[in-house]
Protein backbone atom coordinates (compact mmCIF):
# COMPACT_ATOMS: atom_id res chain seq x y z
CA MET A 1 -37.19 52.07 98.83
CA GLY A 2 -35.32 50.25 101.49
CA ALA A 3 -34.12 50.06 105.05
CA ASP A 4 -31.56 52.75 105.89
CA LEU A 5 -29.63 52.26 109.13
CA TYR A 6 -27.36 54.90 110.67
CA ILE A 7 -24.92 55.11 113.51
CA ASN A 8 -25.20 58.88 113.65
CA LYS A 9 -22.10 59.27 115.81
CA LEU A 10 -20.06 57.95 112.86
CA PHE A 11 -22.24 58.80 109.89
CA LYS A 12 -22.61 62.53 110.49
CA ALA A 13 -18.90 63.19 110.95
CA ASN A 14 -17.96 61.20 107.84
CA SER A 15 -20.76 62.72 105.79
CA GLU A 16 -19.61 66.26 106.65
CA VAL A 17 -16.07 65.49 105.46
CA HIS A 18 -17.35 64.51 101.99
CA ARG A 19 -20.29 66.93 101.68
CA PRO A 20 -18.34 69.90 100.20
CA ALA A 21 -16.86 67.78 97.39
CA PHE A 22 -20.27 66.16 96.80
CA GLU A 23 -22.06 69.52 96.58
CA ALA A 24 -19.37 70.95 94.29
CA ALA A 25 -19.68 67.96 91.98
CA VAL A 26 -23.50 68.29 91.94
CA ALA A 27 -23.17 71.97 91.02
CA GLU A 28 -20.67 71.13 88.25
CA ARG A 29 -22.90 68.35 86.89
CA ASP A 30 -25.96 70.61 86.92
CA ALA A 31 -24.04 73.43 85.20
CA CYS A 32 -22.94 71.00 82.51
CA LYS A 33 -26.55 69.88 82.06
CA GLN A 34 -27.58 73.52 81.52
CA GLN A 35 -24.88 73.83 78.83
CA VAL A 36 -26.07 70.59 77.19
CA ASP A 37 -29.59 71.99 77.07
CA ALA A 38 -28.41 75.40 75.80
CA CYS A 39 -26.40 73.80 73.02
CA GLY A 40 -29.42 71.70 72.09
CA GLN A 41 -31.56 74.82 71.89
CA LYS A 42 -28.99 76.57 69.69
CA TYR A 43 -28.78 73.50 67.49
CA VAL A 44 -32.55 73.53 66.98
CA CYS A 45 -32.50 77.23 66.13
CA ALA A 46 -29.49 77.09 63.80
CA ARG A 47 -30.35 77.18 60.11
CA LYS A 48 -27.01 76.45 58.49
CA PRO A 49 -25.75 72.84 58.51
CA HIS A 50 -22.21 73.78 59.59
CA THR A 51 -23.64 75.81 62.50
CA ARG A 52 -25.85 72.91 63.52
CA LYS A 53 -22.81 70.58 63.49
CA LYS A 54 -20.89 73.05 65.66
CA TRP A 55 -23.63 73.10 68.31
CA LEU A 56 -24.01 69.33 68.18
CA ALA A 57 -20.24 68.93 68.77
CA LYS A 58 -20.38 71.43 71.66
CA GLN A 59 -23.29 69.56 73.15
CA ASP A 60 -21.32 66.31 72.99
CA GLU A 61 -18.38 68.01 74.76
CA TRP A 62 -20.69 69.15 77.57
CA ARG A 63 -22.23 65.68 77.83
CA VAL A 64 -18.74 64.20 78.41
CA LYS A 65 -18.08 66.81 81.12
CA GLN A 66 -21.50 66.11 82.64
CA ALA A 67 -20.79 62.37 82.76
CA ALA A 68 -17.42 62.99 84.42
CA ALA A 69 -19.04 65.23 87.02
CA GLN A 70 -21.74 62.61 87.64
CA GLU A 71 -19.02 60.04 88.28
CA ILE A 72 -17.58 62.31 90.99
CA VAL A 73 -21.09 62.85 92.42
CA SER A 74 -21.51 59.07 92.69
CA GLN A 75 -18.07 58.57 94.25
CA GLU A 76 -18.61 61.31 96.85
CA TYR A 77 -22.12 60.07 97.64
CA ASP A 78 -20.72 56.58 98.22
CA ALA A 79 -17.94 58.03 100.39
CA MET A 80 -20.52 59.97 102.44
CA HIS A 81 -22.33 56.68 103.13
CA ASP A 82 -19.24 54.56 103.66
CA VAL A 83 -19.08 54.92 107.45
CA GLY A 84 -21.90 54.47 109.94
CA TYR A 85 -24.46 53.50 107.31
CA PHE A 86 -26.08 50.29 106.09
CA ARG A 87 -28.74 49.96 103.39
CA ASP A 88 -30.93 47.02 102.50
CA SER A 89 -33.16 47.69 99.49
CA TYR A 90 -36.67 46.26 99.30
CA ASN A 91 -36.02 44.15 96.20
CA ALA A 92 -34.32 40.90 95.29
CA THR A 93 -31.16 42.10 97.09
CA ASP A 94 -32.98 42.36 100.46
CA LEU A 95 -30.76 40.50 102.92
CA LEU A 96 -33.42 40.09 105.59
CA TRP A 97 -35.83 38.49 103.13
CA VAL A 98 -33.11 36.02 102.13
CA LEU A 99 -32.57 35.20 105.79
CA GLY A 100 -36.29 34.63 106.31
CA LEU A 101 -36.73 37.86 108.27
CA SER A 102 -38.50 41.15 107.63
CA TRP A 103 -37.65 44.73 108.42
CA TRP A 104 -41.31 45.45 109.11
CA GLY A 105 -42.32 42.19 110.77
CA ASN A 106 -39.21 41.55 112.85
CA VAL A 107 -37.36 44.84 113.31
CA THR A 108 -40.11 47.47 113.50
CA PRO A 109 -41.59 46.00 116.73
CA MET A 110 -38.10 46.26 118.30
CA LEU A 111 -37.73 50.01 117.68
CA ASN A 112 -38.23 52.59 120.40
CA LYS A 113 -40.58 55.54 119.92
CA ALA A 114 -37.81 57.52 118.19
CA GLY A 115 -37.34 54.75 115.62
CA ASN A 116 -34.05 53.58 117.08
CA LEU A 117 -32.69 50.13 117.76
CA ARG A 118 -30.70 50.16 120.99
CA GLY A 119 -29.63 48.21 124.04
CA ASP A 120 -31.14 44.74 124.45
CA LYS A 121 -33.19 45.08 121.26
CA LEU A 122 -30.05 45.85 119.27
CA LEU A 123 -28.37 42.78 120.76
CA GLU A 124 -31.47 40.69 120.01
CA PHE A 125 -31.52 41.81 116.38
CA ARG A 126 -27.81 41.10 116.02
CA GLU A 127 -28.38 37.57 117.36
CA MET A 128 -31.28 37.04 114.92
CA VAL A 129 -29.02 37.89 111.99
CA ALA A 130 -26.07 35.91 113.37
CA LYS A 131 -28.17 32.74 113.78
CA ARG A 132 -29.41 32.85 110.19
CA ARG A 133 -27.31 31.71 107.27
CA VAL A 134 -27.62 32.51 103.60
CA PRO A 135 -29.69 29.66 102.10
CA THR A 136 -28.19 26.76 100.20
CA THR A 137 -27.78 27.10 96.45
CA ALA A 138 -31.08 25.34 95.66
CA ARG A 139 -33.13 27.40 98.15
CA LEU A 140 -31.42 30.61 97.05
CA ALA A 141 -32.14 29.81 93.39
CA ALA A 142 -35.84 29.39 94.27
CA TYR A 143 -35.85 32.71 96.14
CA LEU A 144 -34.19 34.52 93.22
CA GLU A 145 -36.66 33.06 90.76
CA LYS A 146 -39.58 34.14 92.95
CA GLN A 147 -38.09 37.66 93.11
CA HIS A 148 -37.59 37.74 89.32
CA ALA A 149 -33.87 38.42 89.87
CA CYS A 150 -31.45 38.25 86.97
CA VAL A 151 -29.71 34.88 87.15
CA ASP A 152 -27.26 33.64 84.53
CA ASP A 153 -24.06 31.61 84.33
CA GLY A 154 -21.79 34.66 84.73
CA GLU A 155 -21.66 37.44 87.28
CA ASN A 156 -25.31 36.83 88.17
CA SER A 157 -24.93 33.12 88.84
CA VAL A 158 -26.52 31.66 91.96
CA ALA A 159 -23.00 31.18 93.36
CA GLU A 160 -22.26 34.91 92.85
CA TRP A 161 -25.59 35.86 94.43
CA ARG A 162 -24.73 33.62 97.39
CA LYS A 163 -21.36 35.35 97.72
CA PHE A 164 -23.11 38.76 97.54
CA PHE A 165 -25.55 37.87 100.34
CA THR A 166 -22.82 36.30 102.48
CA GLU A 167 -20.74 39.49 102.25
CA LYS A 168 -23.77 41.68 102.88
CA ARG A 169 -24.60 39.65 105.99
CA LYS A 170 -21.02 40.13 107.22
CA ARG A 171 -21.29 43.88 106.61
CA LEU A 172 -24.56 44.07 108.55
CA LEU A 173 -23.09 42.14 111.48
CA ALA A 174 -19.98 44.36 111.51
CA PHE A 175 -22.23 47.44 111.41
CA LEU A 176 -24.30 46.16 114.35
CA ASP A 177 -21.14 45.17 116.27
CA GLU A 178 -19.80 48.71 115.83
CA ALA A 179 -23.02 50.22 117.23
CA ILE A 180 -22.88 47.79 120.17
CA ARG A 181 -19.20 48.58 120.81
CA LEU A 182 -19.93 52.32 120.78
CA LYS A 183 -23.12 51.86 122.82
CA ALA A 184 -24.76 53.93 120.10
CA PRO A 185 -28.33 53.60 118.91
CA VAL A 186 -29.01 52.51 115.35
CA VAL A 187 -31.34 55.02 113.74
CA CYS A 188 -33.69 53.08 111.47
CA SER A 189 -35.55 54.51 108.50
CA LEU A 190 -37.71 51.62 107.43
């Protein structure tokens, strides 16, 4: 669950470019899964140990192919959502929560009847985000603890989380600026 924002003018065109490769990869992944399952069924039915080993080896081969196809599915999905799209999940990574805002409390009242953010309301939301900064290390640490986020001394350190939210804020502002520049509504699925 999360907030999905679209600039349809950009998103749809980009999505259509990547959709054929995405759908082909999904079909390949699903076909590999069928082969994994078929090999598993033949393994279960095989009586001789050498036959069982053969089907187990075949199943492993198909699993490798399935994993490779899934990697392409993920890459193409990301590419489809790389332009004209912004997502903010409703979990510890929620940027608006970190900024002391809420998609439901602050943004929903700004939407028109079609669920779009446009015109003065779009500018107002952009200003709300621009005026807010990612909290200091101590305040961010308290937020992360409250959200039961994974925090350690490595890639999940409070400093890394702060960098993550700072970059995410920049991406949201750039996204909103692009919609404003294009005079395009932001379609909001909250």
